Amino acid sequence: MTHPLGLEISDQLWQRLLRQTERKGMKLEELAVAYLTEMVAMDEDPLLQLAGSVESDVPDAAQRHHEYLGQALYDELQGRTNP
C-alpha cells in the first residue's frame, strides 16, 4: 500500500532536486522516496545513534572513517596488527 505526501519546498531545494533527478535518471517522486527511505533507515541505525559519543585522538575520523576501516581490514588480512 502507498500513501500520498504533499510537501512545500523552497525554489532552491526544488532546483537542486531537479538537477539530481537529471543526473540519476529518476523521476522526482522516486528520488524523494529514495532520500526519505535512506534518512529513516539512518535514523533507526543503532550504530549511527552512537555517533559523537566516543572520544578519539583521530580528528578526521568522521570524514575518513571508510578509509581507516579499509586500512585496518587490509592490515588484518596482511597479518599486521596496530600497536
Protein backbone atom coordinates (compact mmCIF):
# COMPACT_ATOMS: atom_id res chain seq x y z
CA MET A 1 0.00 0.00 0.00
CA THR A 2 1.22 3.53 -0.68
CA HIS A 3 0.20 6.91 0.72
CA PRO A 4 0.37 10.35 -0.91
CA LEU A 5 2.54 13.02 0.71
CA GLY A 6 2.42 16.71 -0.19
CA LEU A 7 5.42 18.93 0.54
CA GLU A 8 6.13 22.63 0.18
CA ILE A 9 9.80 23.27 -0.52
CA SER A 10 11.87 26.28 -1.44
CA ASP A 11 12.73 27.12 -5.05
CA GLN A 12 16.40 26.48 -4.26
CA LEU A 13 15.71 22.96 -2.99
CA TRP A 14 13.36 22.30 -5.92
CA GLN A 15 16.12 23.21 -8.41
CA ARG A 16 18.65 21.05 -6.58
CA LEU A 17 16.26 18.10 -6.65
CA LEU A 18 15.63 18.57 -10.37
CA ARG A 19 19.38 18.52 -11.04
CA GLN A 20 19.66 15.31 -9.02
CA THR A 21 16.85 13.67 -11.00
CA GLU A 22 18.60 14.52 -14.27
CA ARG A 23 21.93 13.11 -13.04
CA LYS A 24 20.39 9.94 -11.64
CA GLY A 25 17.79 9.43 -14.38
CA MET A 26 14.96 9.24 -11.85
CA LYS A 27 11.55 10.82 -11.51
CA LEU A 28 11.26 13.46 -8.81
CA GLU A 29 8.90 11.27 -6.79
CA GLU A 30 11.32 8.31 -6.98
CA LEU A 31 14.21 10.45 -5.81
CA ALA A 32 12.22 11.90 -2.91
CA VAL A 33 11.11 8.44 -1.77
CA ALA A 34 14.69 7.14 -2.05
CA TYR A 35 16.02 10.01 0.09
CA LEU A 36 13.26 9.64 2.67
CA THR A 37 13.84 5.88 2.85
CA GLU A 38 17.56 6.43 3.42
CA MET A 39 17.00 9.05 6.11
CA VAL A 40 14.51 6.88 8.00
CA ALA A 41 16.88 3.90 7.83
CA MET A 42 19.76 6.07 9.12
CA ASP A 43 17.61 7.34 11.97
CA GLU A 44 16.94 3.76 13.06
CA ASP A 45 20.58 2.61 12.77
CA PRO A 46 21.78 1.78 16.29
CA LEU A 47 25.43 2.38 15.36
CA LEU A 48 24.67 5.80 13.94
CA GLN A 49 22.96 6.72 17.19
CA LEU A 50 26.36 6.31 18.87
CA ALA A 51 27.97 8.89 16.59
CA GLY A 52 29.77 11.53 18.60
CA SER A 53 29.65 9.55 21.83
CA VAL A 54 33.20 8.19 21.62
CA GLU A 55 36.33 10.24 22.24
CA SER A 56 39.17 9.75 19.79
CA ASP A 57 42.61 11.14 19.08
CA VAL A 58 41.78 11.00 15.37
CA PRO A 59 40.48 14.45 14.40
CA ASP A 60 39.21 13.46 10.94
CA ALA A 61 37.59 10.13 11.83
CA ALA A 62 34.14 11.32 10.76
CA GLN A 63 35.33 12.32 7.29
CA ARG A 64 37.73 9.42 6.67
CA HIS A 65 36.15 6.54 8.60
CA HIS A 66 35.80 4.38 5.49
CA GLU A 67 39.47 4.87 4.68
CA TYR A 68 40.51 3.97 8.22
CA LEU A 69 38.28 0.89 8.28
CA GLY A 70 39.60 -0.20 4.89
CA GLN A 71 43.20 0.22 6.02
CA ALA A 72 42.53 -1.72 9.23
CA LEU A 73 40.94 -4.55 7.26
CA TYR A 74 43.82 -4.57 4.78
CA ASP A 75 46.34 -4.68 7.62
CA GLU A 76 44.44 -7.51 9.30
CA LEU A 77 44.34 -9.53 6.09
CA GLN A 78 48.06 -8.96 5.64
CA GLY A 79 48.71 -10.30 9.14
CA ARG A 80 49.68 -6.92 10.55
CA THR A 81 48.38 -5.54 13.81
CA ASN A 82 48.33 -1.99 15.10
CA PRO A 83 50.27 -1.39 18.32
